Amino acid sequence: MVSITTPRVRAYVEKRLNEKVPPARETDKAKIESRVVAPATVNRELALLRRMLRLGADDGLIARLPKIKMLREAPARAGFVDDEKYRSLMNALKRRADLQCVVAIGYAFGWRIKSEVLTLERRQVDLEVGTLRLDAGSTKNKEGRVVYLTPEIKTMLAAQLERVDELQKKLGRIIPFLFPYLRHRRAGTRIVEFRKAWRSACRRAGVPGLLLHDLRRSAVRNMERHGVPRSHAMKITGHKTESIYRRYAIVSDADLREASRRIAAPTAQEAGRKAGTSQSTSQSALRSKMVPAK
C-alpha cells in the first residue's frame, strides 16, 4: 500500500491506455480486431483503487493518499428507438413472434434483454393478474421487480405461452423457459442471444447498427416524455441511482423542437389575446362615434 504513489498511478494509467483488448469471444477473432482500453474502463479501475486506499486510510494503514485524477470519458451513447422505428422493427421480425415479444418487453419496460428478458421463466408470468416479475437476486442490482402488462404485451405473452405449451407436447417434457428455441436441434433450450436475427431485422427496418440496449434507453426516454414519475420509472427499469437513469433520458431533436413549441405557445396566446382586446377596443370606439347625438 505504501508504494502506491501519484507518479506510479499516472504511469499505470498511461500503460493501460496503450494496451490492447482481445476480442471477447474466440469466434470473433476473425471478424473483430483488438482495440485499445477505453478511458471509461480505466476510470472504473481507478475508482476501485481510490476506494481501497480510502478504506485503508480510515483504518490508519495509509499515512498519505496519492492524488488520483479521473480521465475524461466519451459521451454516453445516445441511440434510441422512436415509435416509427419500433413498428418497423416489429414488422421486420414478423416471422419471429417470440422475438417480437422479447423486443416489446425491452421497449416498454427497459429491461435488459440478455440478462433479464431472455432468462424469464413461464412461472414469472401471471396473465390473470396481468403482471411480469423478475426474481430478487436475478437482476443486476439484485432486487426483484414487478410490472403490469400493457394490453399489447399481454396478448403477445399469451400467444408465446401457447407456443411453449405446444412445444412441450411435441417434445414430451416440461419446458420452464418463457423464450426457448422452438425448432431444430436446440428446440426446448433457452434462447441465449439472437444477434444474427437482430442485425437482419435492423437492416430491413432501416436502422442498421442499432443495439438491443438502445431499447432500454428508449424506454426511459418514453417514460420521461409521458410524464411517468422518475421514482416509478426507476422501479420499472431497475436503475438504482438517478445519475445513471438520467444518462438514459435521451433528448432528440424532435424533443427540442417540441420544447420550443411549448415555450412559444404562451407567448403566442398572449399576443393573440392582446390583439383581440385591441381590436375589440377599436370597434367599440368606432361604434360610439357612429351613434348620432340627441
C-alpha atoms as a PDB file:
ATOM      1  CA  MET A   1       0.000   0.000   0.000  1.00  0.00           C
ATOM      2  CA  VAL A   2       2.736   2.474   0.938  1.00  0.00           C
ATOM      3  CA  SER A   3       4.339   2.097  -2.511  1.00  0.00           C
ATOM      4  CA  ILE A   4       1.277   3.372  -4.383  1.00  0.00           C
ATOM      5  CA  THR A   5       2.280   6.941  -5.237  1.00  0.00           C
ATOM      6  CA  THR A   6       0.869   9.588  -7.556  1.00  0.00           C
ATOM      7  CA  PRO A   7       3.624   9.085 -10.216  1.00  0.00           C
ATOM      8  CA  ARG A   8       3.028   5.335 -10.175  1.00  0.00           C
ATOM      9  CA  VAL A   9      -0.710   5.824 -10.620  1.00  0.00           C
ATOM     10  CA  ARG A  10      -0.046   8.080 -13.618  1.00  0.00           C
ATOM     11  CA  ALA A  11       2.329   5.516 -15.092  1.00  0.00           C
ATOM     12  CA  TYR A  12      -0.312   2.818 -14.639  1.00  0.00           C
ATOM     13  CA  VAL A  13      -2.908   4.945 -16.438  1.00  0.00           C
ATOM     14  CA  GLU A  14      -0.579   5.574 -19.398  1.00  0.00           C
ATOM     15  CA  LYS A  15       0.269   1.881 -19.598  1.00  0.00           C
ATOM     16  CA  ARG A  16      -3.399   0.841 -19.581  1.00  0.00           C
ATOM     17  CA  LEU A  17      -4.383   3.345 -22.252  1.00  0.00           C
ATOM     18  CA  ASN A  18      -1.765   1.859 -24.588  1.00  0.00           C
ATOM     19  CA  GLU A  19      -2.787  -1.745 -24.034  1.00  0.00           C
ATOM     20  CA  LYS A  20      -4.861  -3.765 -26.485  1.00  0.00           C
ATOM     21  CA  VAL A  21      -8.002  -5.656 -25.556  1.00  0.00           C
ATOM     22  CA  PRO A  22      -8.519  -9.030 -27.320  1.00  0.00           C
ATOM     23  CA  PRO A  23     -11.956  -9.988 -28.702  1.00  0.00           C
ATOM     24  CA  ALA A  24     -14.426 -11.108 -26.052  1.00  0.00           C
ATOM     25  CA  ARG A  25     -15.149 -14.404 -27.819  1.00  0.00           C
ATOM     26  CA  GLU A  26     -12.932 -16.829 -29.673  1.00  0.00           C
ATOM     27  CA  THR A  27     -15.326 -16.830 -32.626  1.00  0.00           C
ATOM     28  CA  ASP A  28     -14.907 -13.095 -33.023  1.00  0.00           C
ATOM     29  CA  LYS A  29     -11.162 -13.163 -33.699  1.00  0.00           C
ATOM     30  CA  ALA A  30     -11.612 -13.398 -37.443  1.00  0.00           C
ATOM     31  CA  LYS A  31     -14.099 -10.514 -37.509  1.00  0.00           C
ATOM     32  CA  ILE A  32     -13.077  -8.094 -34.758  1.00  0.00           C
ATOM     33  CA  GLU A  33      -9.664  -6.505 -34.341  1.00  0.00           C
ATOM     34  CA  SER A  34      -8.139  -5.832 -30.949  1.00  0.00           C
ATOM     35  CA  ARG A  35      -8.986  -2.415 -29.535  1.00  0.00           C
ATOM     36  CA  VAL A  36      -7.350  -0.109 -27.033  1.00  0.00           C
ATOM     37  CA  VAL A  37      -8.571   0.136 -23.455  1.00  0.00           C
ATOM     38  CA  ALA A  38     -11.255   2.819 -23.131  1.00  0.00           C
ATOM     39  CA  PRO A  39     -10.900   5.693 -20.625  1.00  0.00           C
ATOM     40  CA  ALA A  40     -14.158   4.555 -19.012  1.00  0.00           C
ATOM     41  CA  THR A  41     -12.579   1.165 -18.250  1.00  0.00           C
ATOM     42  CA  VAL A  42      -9.543   2.802 -16.656  1.00  0.00           C
ATOM     43  CA  ASN A  43     -11.817   5.085 -14.613  1.00  0.00           C
ATOM     44  CA  ARG A  44     -13.638   2.074 -13.143  1.00  0.00           C
ATOM     45  CA  GLU A  45     -10.276   0.633 -12.102  1.00  0.00           C
ATOM     46  CA  LEU A  46      -9.147   3.955 -10.637  1.00  0.00           C
ATOM     47  CA  ALA A  47     -12.400   4.298  -8.712  1.00  0.00           C
ATOM     48  CA  LEU A  48     -11.848   0.860  -7.179  1.00  0.00           C
ATOM     49  CA  LEU A  49      -8.250   1.733  -6.290  1.00  0.00           C
ATOM     50  CA  ARG A  50      -9.303   5.044  -4.750  1.00  0.00           C
ATOM     51  CA  ARG A  51     -11.949   3.308  -2.652  1.00  0.00           C
ATOM     52  CA  MET A  52      -9.416   0.745  -1.394  1.00  0.00           C
ATOM     53  CA  LEU A  53      -6.947   3.465  -0.440  1.00  0.00           C
ATOM     54  CA  ARG A  54      -9.579   5.479   1.407  1.00  0.00           C
ATOM     55  CA  LEU A  55     -10.633   2.433   3.400  1.00  0.00           C
ATOM     56  CA  GLY A  56      -7.004   1.846   4.281  1.00  0.00           C
ATOM     57  CA  ALA A  57      -6.611   5.469   5.358  1.00  0.00           C
ATOM     58  CA  ASP A  58      -9.721   5.214   7.544  1.00  0.00           C
ATOM     59  CA  ASP A  59      -8.126   2.277   9.366  1.00  0.00           C
ATOM     60  CA  GLY A  60      -4.860   4.129   9.788  1.00  0.00           C
ATOM     61  CA  LEU A  61      -2.942   1.862   7.384  1.00  0.00           C
ATOM     62  CA  ILE A  62      -2.045   4.672   4.972  1.00  0.00           C
ATOM     63  CA  ALA A  63      -0.484   7.937   6.041  1.00  0.00           C
ATOM     64  CA  ARG A  64      -0.908   9.851   2.774  1.00  0.00           C
ATOM     65  CA  LEU A  65      -3.266   9.254  -0.088  1.00  0.00           C
ATOM     66  CA  PRO A  66      -1.970   9.682  -3.660  1.00  0.00           C
ATOM     67  CA  LYS A  67      -3.832  12.046  -5.979  1.00  0.00           C
ATOM     68  CA  ILE A  68      -5.929  10.091  -8.453  1.00  0.00           C
ATOM     69  CA  LYS A  69      -7.374  12.088 -11.354  1.00  0.00           C
ATOM     70  CA  MET A  70     -10.128  10.536 -13.424  1.00  0.00           C
ATOM     71  CA  LEU A  71      -9.966  10.579 -17.214  1.00  0.00           C
ATOM     72  CA  ARG A  72     -12.427  12.343 -19.472  1.00  0.00           C
ATOM     73  CA  GLU A  73     -14.831   9.763 -20.835  1.00  0.00           C
ATOM     74  CA  ALA A  74     -16.598   9.695 -24.172  1.00  0.00           C
ATOM     75  CA  PRO A  75     -20.222  10.898 -24.103  1.00  0.00           C
ATOM     76  CA  ALA A  76     -22.792   8.253 -23.270  1.00  0.00           C
ATOM     77  CA  ARG A  77     -24.275   6.529 -26.300  1.00  0.00           C
ATOM     78  CA  ALA A  78     -27.413   8.320 -27.452  1.00  0.00           C
ATOM     79  CA  GLY A  79     -29.030   5.585 -29.547  1.00  0.00           C
ATOM     80  CA  PHE A  80     -32.773   5.190 -29.155  1.00  0.00           C
ATOM     81  CA  VAL A  81     -35.848   3.929 -30.988  1.00  0.00           C
ATOM     82  CA  ASP A  82     -38.877   6.104 -31.653  1.00  0.00           C
ATOM     83  CA  ASP A  83     -42.358   4.693 -32.262  1.00  0.00           C
ATOM     84  CA  GLU A  84     -41.923   4.624 -36.044  1.00  0.00           C
ATOM     85  CA  LYS A  85     -38.625   2.713 -35.855  1.00  0.00           C
ATOM     86  CA  TYR A  86     -40.111   0.379 -33.273  1.00  0.00           C
ATOM     87  CA  ARG A  87     -43.005  -0.526 -35.553  1.00  0.00           C
ATOM     88  CA  SER A  88     -40.569  -1.062 -38.435  1.00  0.00           C
ATOM     89  CA  LEU A  89     -38.510  -3.413 -36.259  1.00  0.00           C
ATOM     90  CA  MET A  90     -41.595  -5.349 -35.204  1.00  0.00           C
ATOM     91  CA  ASN A  91     -42.617  -5.703 -38.831  1.00  0.00           C
ATOM     92  CA  ALA A  92     -39.126  -6.921 -39.731  1.00  0.00           C
ATOM     93  CA  LEU A  93     -39.477  -9.608 -37.037  1.00  0.00           C
ATOM     94  CA  LYS A  94     -42.953 -10.726 -38.118  1.00  0.00           C
ATOM     95  CA  ARG A  95     -41.681 -14.253 -38.813  1.00  0.00           C
ATOM     96  CA  ARG A  96     -40.350 -14.495 -35.246  1.00  0.00           C
ATOM     97  CA  ALA A  97     -43.278 -13.776 -32.961  1.00  0.00           C
ATOM     98  CA  ASP A  98     -41.232 -14.915 -29.962  1.00  0.00           C
ATOM     99  CA  LEU A  99     -38.567 -12.291 -30.656  1.00  0.00           C
ATOM    100  CA  GLN A 100     -41.255  -9.673 -31.221  1.00  0.00           C
ATOM    101  CA  CYS A 101     -42.369 -10.341 -27.650  1.00  0.00           C
ATOM    102  CA  VAL A 102     -38.795 -10.006 -26.352  1.00  0.00           C
ATOM    103  CA  VAL A 103     -38.319  -6.670 -28.133  1.00  0.00           C
ATOM    104  CA  ALA A 104     -41.703  -5.379 -26.953  1.00  0.00           C
ATOM    105  CA  ILE A 105     -40.800  -6.039 -23.299  1.00  0.00           C
ATOM    106  CA  GLY A 106     -37.450  -4.301 -23.709  1.00  0.00           C
ATOM    107  CA  TYR A 107     -39.008  -1.293 -25.433  1.00  0.00           C
ATOM    108  CA  ALA A 108     -41.880  -0.891 -22.958  1.00  0.00           C
ATOM    109  CA  PHE A 109     -40.163  -1.577 -19.624  1.00  0.00           C
ATOM    110  CA  GLY A 110     -36.471  -1.033 -20.333  1.00  0.00           C
ATOM    111  CA  TRP A 111     -35.462  -4.479 -19.070  1.00  0.00           C
ATOM    112  CA  ARG A 112     -32.047  -5.793 -20.099  1.00  0.00           C
ATOM    113  CA  ILE A 113     -32.650  -8.209 -22.957  1.00  0.00           C
ATOM    114  CA  LYS A 114     -29.915 -10.772 -22.390  1.00  0.00           C
ATOM    115  CA  SER A 115     -29.867 -10.965 -18.594  1.00  0.00           C
ATOM    116  CA  GLU A 116     -33.478 -10.128 -17.673  1.00  0.00           C
ATOM    117  CA  VAL A 117     -35.849 -10.855 -20.576  1.00  0.00           C
ATOM    118  CA  LEU A 118     -34.334 -13.944 -22.206  1.00  0.00           C
ATOM    119  CA  THR A 119     -33.835 -15.549 -18.775  1.00  0.00           C
ATOM    120  CA  LEU A 120     -37.532 -15.313 -17.870  1.00  0.00           C
ATOM    121  CA  GLU A 121     -39.427 -18.471 -16.975  1.00  0.00           C
ATOM    122  CA  ARG A 122     -43.098 -19.212 -17.509  1.00  0.00           C
ATOM    123  CA  ARG A 123     -43.802 -19.103 -13.755  1.00  0.00           C
ATOM    124  CA  GLN A 124     -42.885 -15.403 -13.757  1.00  0.00           C
ATOM    125  CA  VAL A 125     -45.858 -14.526 -15.981  1.00  0.00           C
ATOM    126  CA  ASP A 126     -49.294 -14.059 -14.392  1.00  0.00           C
ATOM    127  CA  LEU A 127     -51.813 -13.357 -17.137  1.00  0.00           C
ATOM    128  CA  GLU A 128     -54.737 -13.439 -14.712  1.00  0.00           C
ATOM    129  CA  VAL A 129     -53.342 -10.567 -12.658  1.00  0.00           C
ATOM    130  CA  GLY A 130     -51.536  -9.110 -15.682  1.00  0.00           C
ATOM    131  CA  THR A 131     -48.023  -8.982 -14.264  1.00  0.00           C
ATOM    132  CA  LEU A 132     -44.490  -9.967 -15.184  1.00  0.00           C
ATOM    133  CA  ARG A 133     -41.864 -10.248 -12.470  1.00  0.00           C
ATOM    134  CA  LEU A 134     -38.138 -10.612 -12.010  1.00  0.00           C
ATOM    135  CA  ASP A 135     -36.956 -12.611  -9.021  1.00  0.00           C
ATOM    136  CA  ALA A 136     -34.776 -10.998  -6.371  1.00  0.00           C
ATOM    137  CA  GLY A 137     -31.143 -11.880  -6.986  1.00  0.00           C
ATOM    138  CA  SER A 138     -31.620 -12.392 -10.727  1.00  0.00           C
ATOM    139  CA  THR A 139     -31.137  -8.748 -11.702  1.00  0.00           C
ATOM    140  CA  LYS A 140     -28.052  -6.553 -11.895  1.00  0.00           C
ATOM    141  CA  ASN A 141     -28.932  -4.691  -8.696  1.00  0.00           C
ATOM    142  CA  LYS A 142     -30.133  -7.938  -7.038  1.00  0.00           C
ATOM    143  CA  GLU A 143     -33.616  -6.506  -6.456  1.00  0.00           C
ATOM    144  CA  GLY A 144     -36.795  -8.096  -7.754  1.00  0.00           C
ATOM    145  CA  ARG A 145     -39.210  -6.154  -9.966  1.00  0.00           C
ATOM    146  CA  VAL A 146     -42.853  -6.405 -10.984  1.00  0.00           C
ATOM    147  CA  VAL A 147     -44.521  -4.655 -13.905  1.00  0.00           C
ATOM    148  CA  TYR A 148     -48.107  -4.579 -15.042  1.00  0.00           C
ATOM    149  CA  LEU A 149     -48.506  -5.647 -18.635  1.00  0.00           C
ATOM    150  CA  THR A 150     -49.729  -3.418 -21.425  1.00  0.00           C
ATOM    151  CA  PRO A 151     -52.597  -4.919 -23.480  1.00  0.00           C
ATOM    152  CA  GLU A 152     -50.243  -5.475 -26.436  1.00  0.00           C
ATOM    153  CA  ILE A 153     -47.609  -7.321 -24.398  1.00  0.00           C
ATOM    154  CA  LYS A 154     -50.246  -9.328 -22.521  1.00  0.00           C
ATOM    155  CA  THR A 155     -51.584 -10.610 -25.846  1.00  0.00           C
ATOM    156  CA  MET A 156     -48.070 -11.408 -27.045  1.00  0.00           C
ATOM    157  CA  LEU A 157     -47.211 -13.300 -23.858  1.00  0.00           C
ATOM    158  CA  ALA A 158     -50.425 -15.329 -24.029  1.00  0.00           C
ATOM    159  CA  ALA A 159     -49.521 -16.395 -27.561  1.00  0.00           C
ATOM    160  CA  GLN A 160     -45.940 -17.179 -26.510  1.00  0.00           C
ATOM    161  CA  LEU A 161     -47.137 -19.385 -23.651  1.00  0.00           C
ATOM    162  CA  GLU A 162     -49.329 -21.273 -26.109  1.00  0.00           C
ATOM    163  CA  ARG A 163     -46.327 -21.826 -28.383  1.00  0.00           C
ATOM    164  CA  VAL A 164     -44.305 -23.202 -25.484  1.00  0.00           C
ATOM    165  CA  ASP A 165     -47.204 -25.487 -24.470  1.00  0.00           C
ATOM    166  CA  GLU A 166     -47.325 -26.901 -27.998  1.00  0.00           C
ATOM    167  CA  LEU A 167     -43.562 -27.457 -27.922  1.00  0.00           C
ATOM    168  CA  GLN A 168     -43.852 -29.288 -24.592  1.00  0.00           C
ATOM    169  CA  LYS A 169     -46.418 -31.673 -26.075  1.00  0.00           C
ATOM    170  CA  LYS A 170     -44.246 -32.218 -29.123  1.00  0.00           C
ATOM    171  CA  LEU A 171     -41.076 -32.935 -27.116  1.00  0.00           C
ATOM    172  CA  GLY A 172     -42.836 -34.770 -24.299  1.00  0.00           C
ATOM    173  CA  ARG A 173     -41.123 -32.874 -21.494  1.00  0.00           C
ATOM    174  CA  ILE A 174     -41.552 -29.803 -19.290  1.00  0.00           C
ATOM    175  CA  ILE A 175     -40.003 -26.577 -20.587  1.00  0.00           C
ATOM    176  CA  PRO A 176     -39.662 -23.936 -17.856  1.00  0.00           C
ATOM    177  CA  PHE A 177     -38.346 -21.198 -20.118  1.00  0.00           C
ATOM    178  CA  LEU A 178     -40.537 -18.439 -21.484  1.00  0.00           C
ATOM    179  CA  PHE A 179     -38.359 -17.978 -24.558  1.00  0.00           C
ATOM    180  CA  PRO A 180     -36.967 -21.343 -25.687  1.00  0.00           C
ATOM    181  CA  TYR A 181     -35.869 -22.256 -29.191  1.00  0.00           C
ATOM    182  CA  LEU A 182     -38.994 -23.518 -30.921  1.00  0.00           C
ATOM    183  CA  ARG A 183     -37.436 -25.670 -33.635  1.00  0.00           C
ATOM    184  CA  HIS A 184     -34.398 -27.542 -34.906  1.00  0.00           C
ATOM    185  CA  ARG A 185     -31.849 -29.314 -32.723  1.00  0.00           C
ATOM    186  CA  ARG A 186     -31.916 -26.721 -29.923  1.00  0.00           C
ATOM    187  CA  ALA A 187     -35.697 -26.835 -29.526  1.00  0.00           C
ATOM    188  CA  GLY A 188     -36.643 -26.552 -25.864  1.00  0.00           C
ATOM    189  CA  THR A 189     -33.388 -24.955 -24.718  1.00  0.00           C
ATOM    190  CA  ARG A 190     -33.346 -21.303 -23.684  1.00  0.00           C
ATOM    191  CA  ILE A 191     -32.532 -18.607 -26.235  1.00  0.00           C
ATOM    192  CA  VAL A 192     -29.289 -17.031 -25.060  1.00  0.00           C
ATOM    193  CA  GLU A 193     -28.918 -14.389 -27.761  1.00  0.00           C
ATOM    194  CA  PHE A 194     -30.173 -13.592 -31.248  1.00  0.00           C
ATOM    195  CA  ARG A 195     -27.519 -11.321 -32.730  1.00  0.00           C
ATOM    196  CA  LYS A 196     -27.927 -12.547 -36.307  1.00  0.00           C
ATOM    197  CA  ALA A 197     -31.730 -12.186 -36.299  1.00  0.00           C
ATOM    198  CA  TRP A 198     -31.437  -8.749 -34.675  1.00  0.00           C
ATOM    199  CA  ARG A 199     -28.905  -7.418 -37.176  1.00  0.00           C
ATOM    200  CA  SER A 200     -31.003  -8.713 -40.054  1.00  0.00           C
ATOM    201  CA  ALA A 201     -34.169  -7.093 -38.640  1.00  0.00           C
ATOM    202  CA  CYS A 202     -32.346  -3.777 -38.127  1.00  0.00           C
ATOM    203  CA  ARG A 203     -31.190  -3.749 -41.755  1.00  0.00           C
ATOM    204  CA  ARG A 204     -34.696  -4.479 -43.036  1.00  0.00           C
ATOM    205  CA  ALA A 205     -36.151  -1.799 -40.738  1.00  0.00           C
ATOM    206  CA  GLY A 206     -33.643   0.799 -41.976  1.00  0.00           C
ATOM    207  CA  VAL A 207     -31.824   1.178 -38.642  1.00  0.00           C
ATOM    208  CA  PRO A 208     -28.510  -0.679 -39.116  1.00  0.00           C
ATOM    209  CA  GLY A 209     -26.177  -0.565 -36.144  1.00  0.00           C
ATOM    210  CA  LEU A 210     -28.949  -0.282 -33.566  1.00  0.00           C
ATOM    211  CA  LEU A 211     -28.135  -2.075 -30.303  1.00  0.00           C
ATOM    212  CA  LEU A 212     -30.515  -4.152 -28.225  1.00  0.00           C
ATOM    213  CA  HIS A 213     -29.529  -1.973 -25.269  1.00  0.00           C
ATOM    214  CA  ASP A 214     -30.920   1.024 -27.170  1.00  0.00           C
ATOM    215  CA  LEU A 215     -34.362  -0.370 -26.323  1.00  0.00           C
ATOM    216  CA  ARG A 216     -33.586   0.296 -22.654  1.00  0.00           C
ATOM    217  CA  ARG A 217     -32.632   3.900 -23.414  1.00  0.00           C
ATOM    218  CA  SER A 218     -35.806   4.253 -25.464  1.00  0.00           C
ATOM    219  CA  ALA A 219     -37.981   3.014 -22.614  1.00  0.00           C
ATOM    220  CA  VAL A 220     -36.515   5.602 -20.233  1.00  0.00           C
ATOM    221  CA  ARG A 221     -36.983   8.348 -22.816  1.00  0.00           C
ATOM    222  CA  ASN A 222     -40.603   7.344 -23.410  1.00  0.00           C
ATOM    223  CA  MET A 223     -41.404   7.308 -19.691  1.00  0.00           C
ATOM    224  CA  GLU A 224     -39.893  10.774 -19.303  1.00  0.00           C
ATOM    225  CA  ARG A 225     -41.919  12.090 -22.237  1.00  0.00           C
ATOM    226  CA  HIS A 226     -45.142  10.525 -20.955  1.00  0.00           C
ATOM    227  CA  GLY A 227     -44.713  12.082 -17.527  1.00  0.00           C
ATOM    228  CA  VAL A 228     -44.133   8.879 -15.540  1.00  0.00           C
ATOM    229  CA  PRO A 229     -42.712   9.920 -12.130  1.00  0.00           C
ATOM    230  CA  ARG A 230     -38.986   9.234 -12.100  1.00  0.00           C
ATOM    231  CA  SER A 231     -39.156   7.161  -8.904  1.00  0.00           C
ATOM    232  CA  HIS A 232     -41.773   4.903 -10.534  1.00  0.00           C
ATOM    233  CA  ALA A 233     -39.802   4.634 -13.774  1.00  0.00           C
ATOM    234  CA  MET A 234     -36.640   3.632 -11.900  1.00  0.00           C
ATOM    235  CA  LYS A 235     -38.596   0.848 -10.183  1.00  0.00           C
ATOM    236  CA  ILE A 236     -39.663  -0.452 -13.588  1.00  0.00           C
ATOM    237  CA  THR A 237     -36.284  -0.247 -15.322  1.00  0.00           C
ATOM    238  CA  GLY A 238     -34.210  -1.260 -12.306  1.00  0.00           C
ATOM    239  CA  HIS A 239     -31.973   1.814 -12.183  1.00  0.00           C
ATOM    240  CA  LYS A 240     -30.717   2.183  -8.641  1.00  0.00           C
ATOM    241  CA  THR A 241     -29.271   5.715  -8.894  1.00  0.00           C
ATOM    242  CA  GLU A 242     -30.815   8.747 -10.545  1.00  0.00           C
ATOM    243  CA  SER A 243     -27.466   9.802 -12.045  1.00  0.00           C
ATOM    244  CA  ILE A 244     -27.323   6.648 -14.176  1.00  0.00           C
ATOM    245  CA  TYR A 245     -31.031   6.916 -15.010  1.00  0.00           C
ATOM    246  CA  ARG A 246     -30.513  10.455 -16.327  1.00  0.00           C
ATOM    247  CA  ARG A 247     -27.857   9.199 -18.760  1.00  0.00           C
ATOM    248  CA  TYR A 248     -30.586   7.122 -20.396  1.00  0.00           C
ATOM    249  CA  ALA A 249     -33.060  10.022 -20.664  1.00  0.00           C
ATOM    250  CA  ILE A 250     -32.072  10.819 -24.240  1.00  0.00           C
ATOM    251  CA  VAL A 251     -33.314  14.100 -25.719  1.00  0.00           C
ATOM    252  CA  SER A 252     -33.817  14.065 -29.503  1.00  0.00           C
ATOM    253  CA  ASP A 253     -34.137  16.932 -31.976  1.00  0.00           C
ATOM    254  CA  ALA A 254     -37.878  16.315 -32.063  1.00  0.00           C
ATOM    255  CA  ASP A 255     -37.987  16.704 -28.262  1.00  0.00           C
ATOM    256  CA  LEU A 256     -36.132  20.028 -28.509  1.00  0.00           C
ATOM    257  CA  ARG A 257     -38.490  21.293 -31.205  1.00  0.00           C
ATOM    258  CA  GLU A 258     -41.483  20.306 -29.076  1.00  0.00           C
ATOM    259  CA  ALA A 259     -39.946  22.124 -26.092  1.00  0.00           C
ATOM    260  CA  SER A 260     -39.549  25.292 -28.185  1.00  0.00           C
ATOM    261  CA  ARG A 261     -43.146  24.976 -29.359  1.00  0.00           C
ATOM    262  CA  ARG A 262     -44.359  24.743 -25.769  1.00  0.00           C
ATOM    263  CA  ILE A 263     -42.222  27.714 -24.745  1.00  0.00           C
ATOM    264  CA  ALA A 264     -43.593  29.783 -27.611  1.00  0.00           C
ATOM    265  CA  ALA A 265     -47.232  28.739 -27.089  1.00  0.00           C
ATOM    266  CA  PRO A 266     -47.998  31.006 -24.069  1.00  0.00           C
ATOM    267  CA  THR A 267     -46.350  33.966 -25.823  1.00  0.00           C
ATOM    268  CA  ALA A 268     -48.412  33.385 -28.950  1.00  0.00           C
ATOM    269  CA  GLN A 269     -51.598  33.035 -26.890  1.00  0.00           C
ATOM    270  CA  GLU A 270     -50.841  36.264 -25.027  1.00  0.00           C
ATOM    271  CA  ALA A 271     -50.144  38.095 -28.296  1.00  0.00           C
ATOM    272  CA  GLY A 272     -53.425  36.795 -29.717  1.00  0.00           C
ATOM    273  CA  ARG A 273     -55.307  37.876 -26.603  1.00  0.00           C
ATOM    274  CA  LYS A 274     -53.829  41.381 -26.742  1.00  0.00           C
ATOM    275  CA  ALA A 275     -54.586  41.645 -30.443  1.00  0.00           C
ATOM    276  CA  GLY A 276     -58.188  40.591 -29.809  1.00  0.00           C
ATOM    277  CA  THR A 277     -58.539  43.100 -26.972  1.00  0.00           C
ATOM    278  CA  SER A 278     -57.097  45.894 -29.117  1.00  0.00           C
ATOM    279  CA  GLN A 279     -59.423  45.058 -31.992  1.00  0.00           C
ATOM    280  CA  SER A 280     -62.428  44.958 -29.661  1.00  0.00           C
ATOM    281  CA  THR A 281     -61.491  48.357 -28.202  1.00  0.00           C
ATOM    282  CA  SER A 282     -61.139  49.888 -31.670  1.00  0.00           C
ATOM    283  CA  GLN A 283     -64.521  48.540 -32.757  1.00  0.00           C
ATOM    284  CA  SER A 284     -66.164  49.885 -29.605  1.00  0.00           C
ATOM    285  CA  ALA A 285     -64.657  53.340 -30.214  1.00  0.00           C
ATOM    286  CA  LEU A 286     -65.851  53.296 -33.814  1.00  0.00           C
ATOM    287  CA  ARG A 287     -69.372  52.347 -32.812  1.00  0.00           C
ATOM    288  CA  SER A 288     -69.502  55.189 -30.219  1.00  0.00           C
ATOM    289  CA  LYS A 289     -68.563  57.729 -32.896  1.00  0.00           C
ATOM    290  CA  MET A 290     -71.308  56.450 -35.175  1.00  0.00           C
ATOM    291  CA  VAL A 291     -74.049  56.953 -32.557  1.00  0.00           C
ATOM    292  CA  PRO A 292     -75.990  60.144 -33.548  1.00  0.00           C
ATOM    293  CA  ALA A 293     -76.214  62.965 -30.976  1.00  0.00           C
ATOM    294  CA  LYS A 294     -79.667  63.646 -29.470  1.00  0.00           C
END
